[in-house]
Amino acid sequence: MENAHMKESQDVLSHFSVTEETGLTPDQVKRNLAEYGYNELPAEEGKSIWELVVEQFEDLLVRILLLAACISFVSDLNFSPSHSMIYFIVLAWFEEGEETVTAFVEPFVILLILIANAVVGVWQVS
């Protein structure tokens, strides 16, 4: 029956051959269950944890902050084309001095904030 909610109650009762007092018989229940299935919506398939994490980094502002962290890290290194980037990362890591430590502080703080943002975002969605 289409649009049963718009019909009079007596029309619906007569269509399904029931009364208000007795309702459906056990045989009618079994037939309807076999024909129509359970009265429930299909469950949606959830996203994996990694899809949720990646989704947190799809925001434009987050990408700008990631770029800022990379630029901050690279600009603090004395990069020369004759050496590889890994060479300067290792050199900056093992070099002593206050300047070297500050090269890692800003990008590290930005990355920590972005990771915390992703954790909170995944937690809220889950």
PDB file of N, CA and C in Angstrom:
ATOM      1  N   MET A   1       0.842  -1.176   0.000  1.00  0.00           N
ATOM      2  CA  MET A   1       0.000   0.000   0.000  1.00  0.00           C
ATOM      3  C   MET A   1       0.890   1.242   0.000  1.00  0.00           C
ATOM      4  N   GLU A   2       0.650   2.096  -0.948  1.00  0.00           N
ATOM      5  CA  GLU A   2       1.388   3.352  -1.053  1.00  0.00           C
ATOM      6  C   GLU A   2       0.727   4.417  -0.192  1.00  0.00           C
ATOM      7  N   ASN A   3       1.517   5.254   0.434  1.00  0.00           N
ATOM      8  CA  ASN A   3       1.038   6.390   1.241  1.00  0.00           C
ATOM      9  C   ASN A   3       0.017   5.972   2.294  1.00  0.00           C
ATOM     10  N   ALA A   4       0.315   4.916   3.019  1.00  0.00           N
ATOM     11  CA  ALA A   4      -0.609   4.433   4.057  1.00  0.00           C
ATOM     12  C   ALA A   4      -0.825   5.488   5.137  1.00  0.00           C
ATOM     13  N   HIS A   5       0.155   6.336   5.340  1.00  0.00           N
ATOM     14  CA  HIS A   5       0.029   7.372   6.362  1.00  0.00           C
ATOM     15  C   HIS A   5      -1.012   8.426   5.999  1.00  0.00           C
ATOM     16  N   MET A   6      -1.395   8.503   4.730  1.00  0.00           N
ATOM     17  CA  MET A   6      -2.373   9.499   4.290  1.00  0.00           C
ATOM     18  C   MET A   6      -3.798   8.926   4.226  1.00  0.00           C
ATOM     19  N   LYS A   7      -3.949   7.646   4.428  1.00  0.00           N
ATOM     20  CA  LYS A   7      -5.252   7.001   4.313  1.00  0.00           C
ATOM     21  C   LYS A   7      -5.949   6.965   5.667  1.00  0.00           C
ATOM     22  N   GLU A   8      -7.231   6.712   5.616  1.00  0.00           N
ATOM     23  CA  GLU A   8      -8.013   6.527   6.835  1.00  0.00           C
ATOM     24  C   GLU A   8      -7.607   5.197   7.457  1.00  0.00           C
ATOM     25  N   SER A   9      -7.694   5.111   8.778  1.00  0.00           N
ATOM     26  CA  SER A   9      -7.263   3.897   9.470  1.00  0.00           C
ATOM     27  C   SER A   9      -8.079   2.677   9.051  1.00  0.00           C
ATOM     28  N   GLN A  10      -9.377   2.845   8.791  1.00  0.00           N
ATOM     29  CA  GLN A  10     -10.209   1.705   8.376  1.00  0.00           C
ATOM     30  C   GLN A  10      -9.780   1.179   7.006  1.00  0.00           C
ATOM     31  N   ASP A  11      -9.346   2.076   6.104  1.00  0.00           N
ATOM     32  CA  ASP A  11      -8.868   1.643   4.786  1.00  0.00           C
ATOM     33  C   ASP A  11      -7.605   0.804   4.913  1.00  0.00           C
ATOM     34  N   VAL A  12      -6.709   1.221   5.789  1.00  0.00           N
ATOM     35  CA  VAL A  12      -5.453   0.489   5.994  1.00  0.00           C
ATOM     36  C   VAL A  12      -5.737  -0.866   6.632  1.00  0.00           C
ATOM     37  N   LEU A  13      -6.613  -0.892   7.645  1.00  0.00           N
ATOM     38  CA  LEU A  13      -6.949  -2.147   8.309  1.00  0.00           C
ATOM     39  C   LEU A  13      -7.574  -3.137   7.337  1.00  0.00           C
ATOM     40  N   SER A  14      -8.473  -2.668   6.486  1.00  0.00           N
ATOM     41  CA  SER A  14      -9.119  -3.573   5.524  1.00  0.00           C
ATOM     42  C   SER A  14      -8.131  -4.041   4.448  1.00  0.00           C
ATOM     43  N   HIS A  15      -7.206  -3.185   4.065  1.00  0.00           N
ATOM     44  CA  HIS A  15      -6.204  -3.574   3.061  1.00  0.00           C
ATOM     45  C   HIS A  15      -5.339  -4.728   3.575  1.00  0.00           C
ATOM     46  N   PHE A  16      -4.959  -4.675   4.847  1.00  0.00           N
ATOM     47  CA  PHE A  16      -4.101  -5.711   5.415  1.00  0.00           C
ATOM     48  C   PHE A  16      -4.901  -6.838   6.088  1.00  0.00           C
ATOM     49  N   SER A  17      -6.217  -6.777   6.003  1.00  0.00           N
ATOM     50  CA  SER A  17      -7.108  -7.803   6.560  1.00  0.00           C
ATOM     51  C   SER A  17      -6.852  -8.033   8.048  1.00  0.00           C
ATOM     52  N   VAL A  18      -6.852  -6.963   8.806  1.00  0.00           N
ATOM     53  CA  VAL A  18      -6.638  -7.048  10.251  1.00  0.00           C
ATOM     54  C   VAL A  18      -7.680  -6.216  10.966  1.00  0.00           C
ATOM     55  N   THR A  19      -7.760  -6.407  12.261  1.00  0.00           N
ATOM     56  CA  THR A  19      -8.611  -5.564  13.101  1.00  0.00           C
ATOM     57  C   THR A  19      -7.722  -4.861  14.113  1.00  0.00           C
ATOM     58  N   GLU A  20      -8.248  -3.805  14.703  1.00  0.00           N
ATOM     59  CA  GLU A  20      -7.467  -3.070  15.701  1.00  0.00           C
ATOM     60  C   GLU A  20      -7.224  -3.912  16.939  1.00  0.00           C
ATOM     61  N   GLU A  21      -8.134  -4.800  17.257  1.00  0.00           N
ATOM     62  CA  GLU A  21      -8.023  -5.602  18.467  1.00  0.00           C
ATOM     63  C   GLU A  21      -6.981  -6.717  18.341  1.00  0.00           C
ATOM     64  N   THR A  22      -6.922  -7.371  17.186  1.00  0.00           N
ATOM     65  CA  THR A  22      -6.059  -8.555  17.060  1.00  0.00           C
ATOM     66  C   THR A  22      -4.759  -8.292  16.318  1.00  0.00           C
ATOM     67  N   GLY A  23      -4.738  -7.370  15.393  1.00  0.00           N
ATOM     68  CA  GLY A  23      -3.528  -7.106  14.617  1.00  0.00           C
ATOM     69  C   GLY A  23      -3.223  -8.235  13.646  1.00  0.00           C
ATOM     70  N   LEU A  24      -1.979  -8.414  13.301  1.00  0.00           N
ATOM     71  CA  LEU A  24      -1.577  -9.460  12.362  1.00  0.00           C
ATOM     72  C   LEU A  24      -1.529 -10.814  13.058  1.00  0.00           C
ATOM     73  N   THR A  25      -1.875 -11.845  12.318  1.00  0.00           N
ATOM     74  CA  THR A  25      -1.743 -13.202  12.844  1.00  0.00           C
ATOM     75  C   THR A  25      -0.289 -13.631  12.724  1.00  0.00           C
ATOM     76  N   PRO A  26       0.130 -14.652  13.482  1.00  0.00           N
ATOM     77  CA  PRO A  26       1.515 -15.134  13.354  1.00  0.00           C
ATOM     78  C   PRO A  26       1.887 -15.560  11.933  1.00  0.00           C
ATOM     79  N   ASP A  27       0.933 -16.124  11.209  1.00  0.00           N
ATOM     80  CA  ASP A  27       1.215 -16.517   9.814  1.00  0.00           C
ATOM     81  C   ASP A  27       1.451 -15.292   8.933  1.00  0.00           C
ATOM     82  N   GLN A  28       0.640 -14.242   9.139  1.00  0.00           N
ATOM     83  CA  GLN A  28       0.830 -13.006   8.371  1.00  0.00           C
ATOM     84  C   GLN A  28       2.183 -12.369   8.696  1.00  0.00           C
ATOM     85  N   VAL A  29       2.567 -12.426   9.953  1.00  0.00           N
ATOM     86  CA  VAL A  29       3.858 -11.863  10.357  1.00  0.00           C
ATOM     87  C   VAL A  29       4.987 -12.602   9.642  1.00  0.00           C
ATOM     88  N   LYS A  30       4.930 -13.924   9.611  1.00  0.00           N
ATOM     89  CA  LYS A  30       5.973 -14.721   8.949  1.00  0.00           C
ATOM     90  C   LYS A  30       6.023 -14.433   7.455  1.00  0.00           C
ATOM     91  N   ARG A  31       4.833 -14.351   6.817  1.00  0.00           N
ATOM     92  CA  ARG A  31       4.793 -14.061   5.374  1.00  0.00           C
ATOM     93  C   ARG A  31       5.372 -12.678   5.073  1.00  0.00           C
ATOM     94  N   ASN A  32       4.956 -11.672   5.864  1.00  0.00           N
ATOM     95  CA  ASN A  32       5.460 -10.307   5.646  1.00  0.00           C
ATOM     96  C   ASN A  32       6.961 -10.219   5.904  1.00  0.00           C
ATOM     97  N   LEU A  33       7.423 -10.936   6.924  1.00  0.00           N
ATOM     98  CA  LEU A  33       8.857 -10.935   7.218  1.00  0.00           C
ATOM     99  C   LEU A  33       9.641 -11.570   6.075  1.00  0.00           C
ATOM    100  N   ALA A  34       9.110 -12.653   5.527  1.00  0.00           N
ATOM    101  CA  ALA A  34       9.777 -13.312   4.398  1.00  0.00           C
ATOM    102  C   ALA A  34       9.752 -12.440   3.143  1.00  0.00           C
ATOM    103  N   GLU A  35       8.651 -11.726   2.935  1.00  0.00           N
ATOM    104  CA  GLU A  35       8.506 -10.917   1.718  1.00  0.00           C
ATOM    105  C   GLU A  35       9.242  -9.577   1.820  1.00  0.00           C
ATOM    106  N   TYR A  36       9.098  -8.879   2.962  1.00  0.00           N
ATOM    107  CA  TYR A  36       9.624  -7.525   3.085  1.00  0.00           C
ATOM    108  C   TYR A  36      10.890  -7.419   3.934  1.00  0.00           C
ATOM    109  N   GLY A  37      11.160  -8.419   4.745  1.00  0.00           N
ATOM    110  CA  GLY A  37      12.318  -8.356   5.629  1.00  0.00           C
ATOM    111  C   GLY A  37      12.006  -7.553   6.874  1.00  0.00           C
ATOM    112  N   TYR A  38      13.019  -7.343   7.688  1.00  0.00           N
ATOM    113  CA  TYR A  38      12.845  -6.592   8.932  1.00  0.00           C
ATOM    114  C   TYR A  38      12.585  -5.122   8.637  1.00  0.00           C
ATOM    115  N   ASN A  39      11.881  -4.474   9.515  1.00  0.00           N
ATOM    116  CA  ASN A  39      11.531  -3.064   9.378  1.00  0.00           C
ATOM    117  C   ASN A  39      12.695  -2.215   9.884  1.00  0.00           C
ATOM    118  N   GLU A  40      13.764  -2.165   9.092  1.00  0.00           N
ATOM    119  CA  GLU A  40      14.939  -1.402   9.475  1.00  0.00           C
ATOM    120  C   GLU A  40      15.657  -0.875   8.242  1.00  0.00           C
ATOM    121  N   LEU A  41      16.376   0.201   8.444  1.00  0.00           N
ATOM    122  CA  LEU A  41      17.167   0.778   7.359  1.00  0.00           C
ATOM    123  C   LEU A  41      18.479   0.021   7.237  1.00  0.00           C
ATOM    124  N   PRO A  42      19.019  -0.094   6.034  1.00  0.00           N
ATOM    125  CA  PRO A  42      20.309  -0.769   5.893  1.00  0.00           C
ATOM    126  C   PRO A  42      21.410   0.031   6.592  1.00  0.00           C
ATOM    127  N   ALA A  43      22.295  -0.673   7.247  1.00  0.00           N
ATOM    128  CA  ALA A  43      23.386  -0.013   7.973  1.00  0.00           C
ATOM    129  C   ALA A  43      24.409   0.535   6.986  1.00  0.00           C
ATOM    130  N   GLU A  44      24.865   1.748   7.263  1.00  0.00           N
ATOM    131  CA  GLU A  44      25.887   2.351   6.416  1.00  0.00           C
ATOM    132  C   GLU A  44      27.249   1.789   6.801  1.00  0.00           C
ATOM    133  N   GLU A  45      28.076   1.586   5.792  1.00  0.00           N
ATOM    134  CA  GLU A  45      29.427   1.109   6.070  1.00  0.00           C
ATOM    135  C   GLU A  45      30.266   2.290   6.545  1.00  0.00           C
ATOM    136  N   GLY A  46      30.888   2.136   7.702  1.00  0.00           N
ATOM    137  CA  GLY A  46      31.680   3.216   8.279  1.00  0.00           C
ATOM    138  C   GLY A  46      33.037   3.357   7.607  1.00  0.00           C
ATOM    139  N   LYS A  47      33.651   4.496   7.826  1.00  0.00           N
ATOM    140  CA  LYS A  47      34.982   4.742   7.277  1.00  0.00           C
ATOM    141  C   LYS A  47      36.030   4.157   8.198  1.00  0.00           C
ATOM    142  N   SER A  48      37.147   3.753   7.617  1.00  0.00           N
ATOM    143  CA  SER A  48      38.245   3.231   8.430  1.00  0.00           C
ATOM    144  C   SER A  48      38.907   4.388   9.180  1.00  0.00           C
ATOM    145  N   ILE A  49      39.692   4.038  10.181  1.00  0.00           N
ATOM    146  CA  ILE A  49      40.359   5.058  11.000  1.00  0.00           C
ATOM    147  C   ILE A  49      41.316   5.885  10.152  1.00  0.00           C
ATOM    148  N   TRP A  50      41.978   5.264   9.196  1.00  0.00           N
ATOM    149  CA  TRP A  50      42.930   5.998   8.346  1.00  0.00           C
ATOM    150  C   TRP A  50      42.215   6.959   7.407  1.00  0.00           C
ATOM    151  N   GLU A  51      41.028   6.570   6.927  1.00  0.00           N
ATOM    152  CA  GLU A  51      40.251   7.489   6.090  1.00  0.00           C
ATOM    153  C   GLU A  51      39.818   8.712   6.898  1.00  0.00           C
ATOM    154  N   LEU A  52      39.461   8.485   8.154  1.00  0.00           N
ATOM    155  CA  LEU A  52      39.080   9.611   9.014  1.00  0.00           C
ATOM    156  C   LEU A  52      40.264  10.535   9.293  1.00  0.00           C
ATOM    157  N   VAL A  53      41.462   9.949   9.504  1.00  0.00           N
ATOM    158  CA  VAL A  53      42.655  10.758   9.761  1.00  0.00           C
ATOM    159  C   VAL A  53      43.002  11.588   8.524  1.00  0.00           C
ATOM    160  N   VAL A  54      43.007  10.950   7.358  1.00  0.00           N
ATOM    161  CA  VAL A  54      43.333  11.669   6.114  1.00  0.00           C
ATOM    162  C   VAL A  54      42.310  12.769   5.862  1.00  0.00           C
ATOM    163  N   GLU A  55      41.061  12.496   6.191  1.00  0.00           N
ATOM    164  CA  GLU A  55      40.003  13.498   6.012  1.00  0.00           C
ATOM    165  C   GLU A  55      40.267  14.759   6.835  1.00  0.00           C
ATOM    166  N   GLN A  56      40.928  14.600   7.978  1.00  0.00           N
ATOM    167  CA  GLN A  56      41.232  15.752   8.833  1.00  0.00           C
ATOM    168  C   GLN A  56      42.261  16.678   8.200  1.00  0.00           C
ATOM    169  N   PHE A  57      43.082  16.157   7.292  1.00  0.00           N
ATOM    170  CA  PHE A  57      44.129  16.952   6.663  1.00  0.00           C
ATOM    171  C   PHE A  57      43.721  17.471   5.281  1.00  0.00           C
ATOM    172  N   GLU A  58      42.448  17.343   4.920  1.00  0.00           N
ATOM    173  CA  GLU A  58      41.974  17.822   3.628  1.00  0.00           C
ATOM    174  C   GLU A  58      41.524  19.279   3.662  1.00  0.00           C
ATOM    175  N   ASP A  59      41.495  19.870   4.819  1.00  0.00           N
ATOM    176  CA  ASP A  59      41.083  21.260   4.964  1.00  0.00           C
ATOM    177  C   ASP A  59      42.173  22.187   4.425  1.00  0.00           C
ATOM    178  N   LEU A  60      41.794  23.261   3.774  1.00  0.00           N
ATOM    179  CA  LEU A  60      42.751  24.193   3.183  1.00  0.00           C
ATOM    180  C   LEU A  60      43.649  24.827   4.237  1.00  0.00           C
ATOM    181  N   LEU A  61      43.098  25.210   5.366  1.00  0.00           N
ATOM    182  CA  LEU A  61      43.896  25.837   6.419  1.00  0.00           C
ATOM    183  C   LEU A  61      44.940  24.865   6.961  1.00  0.00           C
ATOM    184  N   VAL A  62      44.577  23.606   7.107  1.00  0.00           N
ATOM    185  CA  VAL A  62      45.523  22.599   7.583  1.00  0.00           C
ATOM    186  C   VAL A  62      46.657  22.427   6.577  1.00  0.00           C
ATOM    187  N   ARG A  63      46.328  22.423   5.305  1.00  0.00           N
ATOM    188  CA  ARG A  63      47.375  22.305   4.273  1.00  0.00           C
ATOM    189  C   ARG A  63      48.294  23.521   4.279  1.00  0.00           C
ATOM    190  N   ILE A  64      47.731  24.689   4.517  1.00  0.00           N
ATOM    191  CA  ILE A  64      48.560  25.904   4.603  1.00  0.00           C
ATOM    192  C   ILE A  64      49.509  25.800   5.798  1.00  0.00           C
ATOM    193  N   LEU A  65      49.011  25.292   6.922  1.00  0.00           N
ATOM    194  CA  LEU A  65      49.872  25.128   8.092  1.00  0.00           C
ATOM    195  C   LEU A  65      50.972  24.085   7.857  1.00  0.00           C
ATOM    196  N   LEU A  66      50.652  23.010   7.156  1.00  0.00           N
ATOM    197  CA  LEU A  66      51.679  22.017   6.801  1.00  0.00           C
ATOM    198  C   LEU A  66      52.753  22.645   5.915  1.00  0.00           C
ATOM    199  N   LEU A  67      52.324  23.424   4.954  1.00  0.00           N
ATOM    200  CA  LEU A  67      53.266  24.120   4.078  1.00  0.00           C
ATOM    201  C   LEU A  67      54.111  25.102   4.883  1.00  0.00           C
ATOM    202  N   ALA A  68      53.495  25.803   5.824  1.00  0.00           N
ATOM    203  CA  ALA A  68      54.239  26.753   6.662  1.00  0.00           C
ATOM    204  C   ALA A  68      55.275  26.025   7.510  1.00  0.00           C
ATOM    205  N   ALA A  69      54.937  24.851   8.010  1.00  0.00           N
ATOM    206  CA  ALA A  69      55.895  24.074   8.805  1.00  0.00           C
ATOM    207  C   ALA A  69      57.080  23.658   7.941  1.00  0.00           C
ATOM    208  N   CYS A  70      56.811  23.217   6.720  1.00  0.00           N
ATOM    209  CA  CYS A  70      57.900  22.820   5.813  1.00  0.00           C
ATOM    210  C   CYS A  70      58.779  24.006   5.451  1.00  0.00           C
ATOM    211  N   ILE A  71      58.152  25.125   5.132  1.00  0.00           N
ATOM    212  CA  ILE A  71      58.914  26.323   4.768  1.00  0.00           C
ATOM    213  C   ILE A  71      59.739  26.806   5.959  1.00  0.00           C
ATOM    214  N   SER A  72      59.178  26.777   7.144  1.00  0.00           N
ATOM    215  CA  SER A  72      59.897  27.199   8.348  1.00  0.00           C
ATOM    216  C   SER A  72      61.108  26.311   8.590  1.00  0.00           C
ATOM    217  N   PHE A  73      60.950  25.024   8.401  1.00  0.00           N
ATOM    218  CA  PHE A  73      62.055  24.095   8.621  1.00  0.00           C
ATOM    219  C   PHE A  73      63.148  24.302   7.579  1.00  0.00           C
ATOM    220  N   VAL A  74      62.767  24.396   6.307  1.00  0.00           N
ATOM    221  CA  VAL A  74      63.748  24.523   5.228  1.00  0.00           C
ATOM    222  C   VAL A  74      64.448  25.881   5.278  1.00  0.00           C
ATOM    223  N   SER A  75      63.721  26.933   5.638  1.00  0.00           N
ATOM    224  CA  SER A  75      64.338  28.259   5.645  1.00  0.00           C
ATOM    225  C   SER A  75      65.373  28.407   6.757  1.00  0.00           C
ATOM    226  N   ASP A  76      65.246  27.623   7.834  1.00  0.00           N
ATOM    227  CA  ASP A  76      66.218  27.696   8.920  1.00  0.00           C
ATOM    228  C   ASP A  76      67.489  26.910   8.627  1.00  0.00           C
ATOM    229  N   LEU A  77      67.435  26.080   7.615  1.00  0.00           N
ATOM    230  CA  LEU A  77      68.625  25.322   7.229  1.00  0.00           C
ATOM    231  C   LEU A  77      69.410  26.110   6.183  1.00  0.00           C
ATOM    232  N   ASN A  78      70.710  25.960   6.194  1.00  0.00           N
ATOM    233  CA  ASN A  78      71.541  26.597   5.168  1.00  0.00           C
ATOM    234  C   ASN A  78      71.654  25.627   3.999  1.00  0.00           C
ATOM    235  N   PHE A  79      70.681  25.668   3.136  1.00  0.00           N
ATOM    236  CA  PHE A  79      70.606  24.705   2.046  1.00  0.00           C
ATOM    237  C   PHE A  79      71.448  25.158   0.867  1.00  0.00           C
ATOM    238  N   SER A  80      72.237  24.238   0.357  1.00  0.00           N
ATOM    239  CA  SER A  80      73.025  24.519  -0.839  1.00  0.00           C
ATOM    240  C   SER A  80      72.748  23.408  -1.843  1.00  0.00           C
ATOM    241  N   PRO A  81      72.632  23.737  -3.133  1.00  0.00           N
ATOM    242  CA  PRO A  81      72.280  22.730  -4.131  1.00  0.00           C
ATOM    243  C   PRO A  81      73.294  21.584  -4.243  1.00  0.00           C
ATOM    244  N   SER A  82      74.517  21.776  -3.792  1.00  0.00           N
ATOM    245  CA  SER A  82      75.517  20.723  -3.942  1.00  0.00           C
ATOM    246  C   SER A  82      75.328  19.592  -2.932  1.00  0.00           C
ATOM    247  N   HIS A  83      74.544  19.822  -1.888  1.00  0.00           N
ATOM    248  CA  HIS A  83      74.280  18.798  -0.883  1.00  0.00           C
ATOM    249  C   HIS A  83      72.810  18.395  -0.929  1.00  0.00           C
ATOM    250  N   SER A  84      72.547  17.190  -0.495  1.00  0.00           N
ATOM    251  CA  SER A  84      71.154  16.735  -0.472  1.00  0.00           C
ATOM    252  C   SER A  84      70.440  17.290   0.753  1.00  0.00           C
ATOM    253  N   MET A  85      69.133  17.258   0.709  1.00  0.00           N
ATOM    254  CA  MET A  85      68.311  17.752   1.813  1.00  0.00           C
ATOM    255  C   MET A  85      68.546  16.906   3.061  1.00  0.00           C
ATOM    256  N   ILE A  86      68.719  15.622   2.899  1.00  0.00           N
ATOM    257  CA  ILE A  86      68.944  14.724   4.040  1.00  0.00           C
ATOM    258  C   ILE A  86      70.227  15.107   4.766  1.00  0.00           C
ATOM    259  N   TYR A  87      71.240  15.503   4.011  1.00  0.00           N
ATOM    260  CA  TYR A  87      72.501  15.920   4.600  1.00  0.00           C
ATOM    261  C   TYR A  87      72.272  17.072   5.571  1.00  0.00           C
ATOM    262  N   PHE A  88      71.474  18.064   5.173  1.00  0.00           N
ATOM    263  CA  PHE A  88      71.239  19.225   6.020  1.00  0.00           C
ATOM    264  C   PHE A  88      70.341  18.908   7.208  1.00  0.00           C
ATOM    265  N   ILE A  89      69.426  17.982   7.034  1.00  0.00           N
ATOM    266  CA  ILE A  89      68.582  17.574   8.160  1.00  0.00           C
ATOM    267  C   ILE A  89      69.441  16.897   9.220  1.00  0.00           C
ATOM    268  N   VAL A  90      70.294  15.984   8.783  1.00  0.00           N
ATOM    269  CA  VAL A  90      71.172  15.277   9.721  1.00  0.00           C
ATOM    270  C   VAL A  90      72.161  16.252  10.356  1.00  0.00           C
ATOM    271  N   LEU A  91      72.717  17.157   9.556  1.00  0.00           N
ATOM    272  CA  LEU A  91      73.666  18.136  10.057  1.00  0.00           C
ATOM    273  C   LEU A  91      73.005  19.041  11.098  1.00  0.00           C
ATOM    274  N   ALA A  92      71.803  19.510  10.803  1.00  0.00           N
ATOM    275  CA  ALA A  92      71.100  20.382  11.738  1.00  0.00           C
ATOM    276  C   ALA A  92      70.722  19.635  13.010  1.00  0.00           C
ATOM    277  N   TRP A  93      70.452  18.367  12.880  1.00  0.00           N
ATOM    278  CA  TRP A  93      70.057  17.569  14.040  1.00  0.00           C
ATOM    279  C   TRP A  93      71.214  17.398  15.026  1.00  0.00           C
ATOM    280  N   PHE A  94      72.414  17.163  14.488  1.00  0.00           N
ATOM    281  CA  PHE A  94      73.552  16.877  15.351  1.00  0.00           C
ATOM    282  C   PHE A  94      74.404  18.096  15.675  1.00  0.00           C
ATOM    283  N   GLU A  95      74.152  19.208  15.020  1.00  0.00           N
ATOM    284  CA  GLU A  95      74.904  20.423  15.295  1.00  0.00           C
ATOM    285  C   GLU A  95      74.489  20.969  16.651  1.00  0.00           C
ATOM    286  N   GLU A  96      75.399  21.540  17.364  1.00  0.00           N
ATOM    287  CA  GLU A  96      75.068  22.097  18.666  1.00  0.00           C
ATOM    288  C   GLU A  96      74.856  23.595  18.539  1.00  0.00           C
ATOM    289  N   GLY A  97      74.071  24.127  19.442  1.00  0.00           N
ATOM    290  CA  GLY A  97      73.841  25.566  19.449  1.00  0.00           C
ATOM    291  C   GLY A  97      72.362  25.867  19.524  1.00  0.00           C
ATOM    292  N   GLU A  98      72.071  27.084  19.955  1.00  0.00           N
ATOM    293  CA  GLU A  98      70.686  27.480  20.133  1.00  0.00           C
ATOM    294  C   GLU A  98      69.974  27.673  18.807  1.00  0.00           C
ATOM    295  N   GLU A  99      70.688  28.132  17.776  1.00  0.00           N
ATOM    296  CA  GLU A  99      70.091  28.350  16.459  1.00  0.00           C
ATOM    297  C   GLU A  99      69.539  27.066  15.871  1.00  0.00           C
ATOM    298  N   THR A 100      70.259  25.975  16.044  1.00  0.00           N
ATOM    299  CA  THR A 100      69.849  24.698  15.479  1.00  0.00           C
ATOM    300  C   THR A 100      68.569  24.192  16.127  1.00  0.00           C
ATOM    301  N   VAL A 101      68.456  24.365  17.409  1.00  0.00           N
ATOM    302  CA  VAL A 101      67.265  23.903  18.117  1.00  0.00           C
ATOM    303  C   VAL A 101      66.044  24.694  17.666  1.00  0.00           C
ATOM    304  N   THR A 102      66.190  25.981  17.492  1.00  0.00           N
ATOM    305  CA  THR A 102      65.046  26.799  17.083  1.00  0.00           C
ATOM    306  C   THR A 102      64.581  26.465  15.675  1.00  0.00           C
ATOM    307  N   ALA A 103      65.439  25.880  14.870  1.00  0.00           N
ATOM    308  CA  ALA A 103      65.028  25.490  13.519  1.00  0.00           C
ATOM    309  C   ALA A 103      63.958  24.404  13.580  1.00  0.00           C
ATOM    310  N   PHE A 104      63.952  23.639  14.660  1.00  0.00           N
ATOM    311  CA  PHE A 104      62.982  22.555  14.781  1.00  0.00           C
ATOM    312  C   PHE A 104      61.763  22.932  15.615  1.00  0.00           C
ATOM    313  N   VAL A 105      61.833  24.005  16.391  1.00  0.00           N
ATOM    314  CA  VAL A 105      60.745  24.323  17.324  1.00  0.00           C
ATOM    315  C   VAL A 105      59.467  24.702  16.593  1.00  0.00           C
ATOM    316  N   GLU A 106      59.520  25.689  15.711  1.00  0.00           N
ATOM    317  CA  GLU A 106      58.307  26.151  15.036  1.00  0.00           C
ATOM    318  C   GLU A 106      57.625  25.045  14.227  1.00  0.00           C
ATOM    319  N   PRO A 107      58.349  24.345  13.350  1.00  0.00           N
ATOM    320  CA  PRO A 107      57.663  23.276  12.600  1.00  0.00           C
ATOM    321  C   PRO A 107      57.144  22.169  13.514  1.00  0.00           C
ATOM    322  N   PHE A 108      57.896  21.870  14.575  1.00  0.00           N
ATOM    323  CA  PHE A 108      57.476  20.827  15.503  1.00  0.00           C
ATOM    324  C   PHE A 108      56.179  21.223  16.218  1.00  0.00           C
ATOM    325  N   VAL A 109      56.084  22.464  16.638  1.00  0.00           N
ATOM    326  CA  VAL A 109      54.873  22.934  17.313  1.00  0.00           C
ATOM    327  C   VAL A 109      53.692  22.928  16.348  1.00  0.00           C
ATOM    328  N   ILE A 110      53.899  23.371  15.131  1.00  0.00           N
ATOM    329  CA  ILE A 110      52.829  23.364  14.132  1.00  0.00           C
ATOM    330  C   ILE A 110      52.350  21.937  13.884  1.00  0.00           C
ATOM    331  N   LEU A 111      53.291  21.004  13.724  1.00  0.00           N
ATOM    332  CA  LEU A 111      52.912  19.608  13.495  1.00  0.00           C
ATOM    333  C   LEU A 111      52.180  19.019  14.703  1.00  0.00           C
ATOM    334  N   LEU A 112      52.616  19.354  15.907  1.00  0.00           N
ATOM    335  CA  LEU A 112      51.908  18.868  17.103  1.00  0.00           C
ATOM    336  C   LEU A 112      50.472  19.386  17.148  1.00  0.00           C
ATOM    337  N   ILE A 113      50.285  20.643  16.799  1.00  0.00           N
ATOM    338  CA  ILE A 113      48.938  21.216  16.788  1.00  0.00           C
ATOM    339  C   ILE A 113      48.074  20.528  15.734  1.00  0.00           C
ATOM    340  N   LEU A 114      48.636  20.268  14.560  1.00  0.00           N
ATOM    341  CA  LEU A 114      47.878  19.601  13.511  1.00  0.00           C
ATOM    342  C   LEU A 114      47.532  18.167  13.891  1.00  0.00           C
ATOM    343  N   ILE A 115      48.457  17.471  14.555  1.00  0.00           N
ATOM    344  CA  ILE A 115      48.183  16.100  15.002  1.00  0.00           C
ATOM    345  C   ILE A 115      47.100  16.110  16.075  1.00  0.00           C
ATOM    346  N   ALA A 116      47.181  17.054  17.019  1.00  0.00           N
ATOM    347  CA  ALA A 116      46.153  17.159  18.054  1.00  0.00           C
ATOM    348  C   ALA A 116      44.790  17.474  17.431  1.00  0.00           C
ATOM    349  N   ASN A 117      44.788  18.331  16.425  1.00  0.00           N
ATOM    350  CA  ASN A 117      43.543  18.662  15.711  1.00  0.00           C
ATOM    351  C   ASN A 117      42.962  17.428  15.039  1.00  0.00           C
ATOM    352  N   ALA A 118      43.821  16.611  14.417  1.00  0.00           N
ATOM    353  CA  ALA A 118      43.351  15.393  13.759  1.00  0.00           C
ATOM    354  C   ALA A 118      42.808  14.392  14.768  1.00  0.00           C
ATOM    355  N   VAL A 119      43.462  14.261  15.914  1.00  0.00           N
ATOM    356  CA  VAL A 119      42.994  13.324  16.944  1.00  0.00           C
ATOM    357  C   VAL A 119      41.618  13.748  17.455  1.00  0.00           C
ATOM    358  N   VAL A 120      41.459  15.028  17.741  1.00  0.00           N
ATOM    359  CA  VAL A 120      40.169  15.524  18.228  1.00  0.00           C
ATOM    360  C   VAL A 120      39.099  15.364  17.137  1.00  0.00           C
ATOM    361  N   GLY A 121      39.453  15.647  15.896  1.00  0.00           N
ATOM    362  CA  GLY A 121      38.492  15.505  14.799  1.00  0.00           C
ATOM    363  C   GLY A 121      38.021  14.071  14.615  1.00  0.00           C
ATOM    364  N   VAL A 122      38.959  13.116  14.662  1.00  0.00           N
ATOM    365  CA  VAL A 122      38.591  11.705  14.525  1.00  0.00           C
ATOM    366  C   VAL A 122      37.753  11.265  15.716  1.00  0.00           C
ATOM    367  N   TRP A 123      38.125  11.740  16.903  1.00  0.00           N
ATOM    368  CA  TRP A 123      37.387  11.385  18.116  1.00  0.00           C
ATOM    369  C   TRP A 123      35.939  11.881  18.050  1.00  0.00           C
ATOM    370  N   GLN A 124      35.740  13.092  17.533  1.00  0.00           N
ATOM    371  CA  GLN A 124      34.387  13.650  17.427  1.00  0.00           C
ATOM    372  C   GLN A 124      33.540  12.906  16.406  1.00  0.00           C
ATOM    373  N   VAL A 125      34.160  12.482  15.308  1.00  0.00           N
ATOM    374  CA  VAL A 125      33.415  11.792  14.259  1.00  0.00           C
ATOM    375  C   VAL A 125      33.052  10.375  14.691  1.00  0.00           C
ATOM    376  N   SER A 126      33.947   9.736  15.451  1.00  0.00           N
ATOM    377  CA  SER A 126      33.713   8.343  15.852  1.00  0.00           C
ATOM    378  C   SER A 126      32.633   8.220  16.892  1.00  0.00           C
TER     379      SER A 126
END
